[in-house]
Amino acid sequence: MSNHAPNTGPMRASRRCGAKTRDRGPCRAPALRGKRRCRMHGGAPGSGGQRGNHNARRHGRFTGEAIAERKQIEALLDEARKVLRGMK
């Protein structure tokens, strides 16, 4: 057991990151010196994502064509359900 008092004052007084976490609360990690965010949320050099959203169009699920196709399938299923209800 040590006899010295821990020097946590500067750490506790430092500014917090405040980025929104997965649980929708603020990040409680200390912000980097001269930055507003911690090392995990973009404060460190080279951290963070690429410029632009390069992953948004990769799968094509939300293209106009895919949305129209899903609507058409849903309409066909609705029609089939109506026919089946009428047969009872």
Protein backbone atom coordinates (compact mmCIF):
# COMPACT_ATOMS: atom_id res chain seq x y z
CA MET A 1 0.00 0.00 0.00
CA SER A 2 1.40 3.41 -0.92
CA ASN A 3 1.55 6.38 1.41
CA HIS A 4 1.19 9.13 -1.17
CA ALA A 5 -2.06 10.77 -2.17
CA PRO A 6 -3.05 10.17 -5.81
CA ASN A 7 -2.76 13.25 -7.98
CA THR A 8 -6.04 12.93 -9.88
CA GLY A 9 -7.05 16.58 -9.71
CA PRO A 10 -5.93 17.56 -13.24
CA MET A 11 -7.48 14.43 -14.72
CA ARG A 12 -10.80 15.01 -12.99
CA ALA A 13 -10.81 18.70 -13.94
CA SER A 14 -10.04 18.07 -17.62
CA ARG A 15 -12.67 18.69 -20.24
CA ARG A 16 -14.72 15.64 -21.27
CA CYS A 17 -15.19 14.43 -24.83
CA GLY A 18 -18.99 14.53 -24.86
CA ALA A 19 -19.43 12.55 -28.10
CA LYS A 20 -22.64 10.53 -28.19
CA THR A 21 -22.03 6.86 -27.36
CA ARG A 22 -24.00 3.79 -28.40
CA ASP A 23 -26.15 4.03 -25.30
CA ARG A 24 -26.90 7.64 -26.30
CA GLY A 25 -25.08 9.07 -23.32
CA PRO A 26 -22.06 11.38 -23.52
CA CYS A 27 -18.55 9.93 -23.72
CA ARG A 28 -16.82 10.50 -20.40
CA ALA A 29 -13.23 10.13 -21.64
CA PRO A 30 -11.00 13.20 -21.37
CA ALA A 31 -10.68 15.33 -24.49
CA LEU A 32 -7.21 15.65 -25.97
CA ARG A 33 -5.25 18.80 -25.26
CA GLY A 34 -6.40 21.51 -27.64
CA LYS A 35 -9.21 19.34 -29.04
CA ARG A 36 -12.88 18.87 -28.27
CA ARG A 37 -12.93 15.05 -28.59
CA CYS A 38 -11.07 12.13 -27.04
CA ARG A 39 -8.66 9.86 -28.93
CA MET A 40 -11.46 7.40 -29.71
CA HIS A 41 -13.85 9.97 -31.17
CA GLY A 42 -11.65 11.87 -33.57
CA GLY A 43 -9.29 13.90 -31.42
CA ALA A 44 -6.14 11.99 -32.38
CA PRO A 45 -4.42 12.53 -35.73
CA GLY A 46 -5.56 9.94 -38.27
CA SER A 47 -8.63 8.95 -36.27
CA GLY A 48 -12.18 9.08 -37.51
CA GLY A 49 -13.73 8.05 -40.79
CA GLN A 50 -12.89 8.93 -44.35
CA ARG A 51 -14.10 12.11 -46.00
CA GLY A 52 -17.47 11.51 -47.57
CA ASN A 53 -19.71 8.52 -47.02
CA HIS A 54 -18.10 5.84 -49.19
CA ASN A 55 -19.98 2.96 -47.60
CA ALA A 56 -23.51 4.30 -48.05
CA ARG A 57 -24.09 2.99 -51.55
CA ARG A 58 -22.27 -0.30 -51.33
CA HIS A 59 -25.20 -2.70 -51.00
CA GLY A 60 -27.78 -0.79 -53.06
CA ARG A 61 -30.69 -1.51 -50.76
CA PHE A 62 -31.94 2.07 -50.80
CA THR A 63 -31.66 2.82 -54.49
CA GLY A 64 -34.85 3.94 -56.18
CA GLU A 65 -34.98 0.71 -58.15
CA ALA A 66 -34.72 -1.49 -55.04
CA ILE A 67 -37.37 0.52 -53.18
CA ALA A 68 -39.74 0.32 -56.16
CA GLU A 69 -39.19 -3.44 -56.39
CA ARG A 70 -39.98 -3.91 -52.70
CA LYS A 71 -43.16 -1.83 -53.05
CA GLN A 72 -44.23 -3.92 -56.02
CA ILE A 73 -43.64 -7.16 -54.09
CA GLU A 74 -45.56 -5.80 -51.11
CA ALA A 75 -48.51 -4.85 -53.35
CA LEU A 76 -48.49 -8.34 -54.86
CA LEU A 77 -48.49 -9.91 -51.39
CA ASP A 78 -51.36 -7.65 -50.30
CA GLU A 79 -53.36 -8.72 -53.35
CA ALA A 80 -52.66 -12.39 -52.59
CA ARG A 81 -53.79 -11.92 -48.99
CA LYS A 82 -57.05 -10.34 -50.15
CA VAL A 83 -57.70 -13.26 -52.51
CA LEU A 84 -57.01 -15.77 -49.74
CA ARG A 85 -59.36 -13.93 -47.38
CA GLY A 86 -62.07 -14.02 -50.03
CA MET A 87 -61.76 -17.80 -50.36
CA LYS A 88 -62.70 -18.45 -46.72
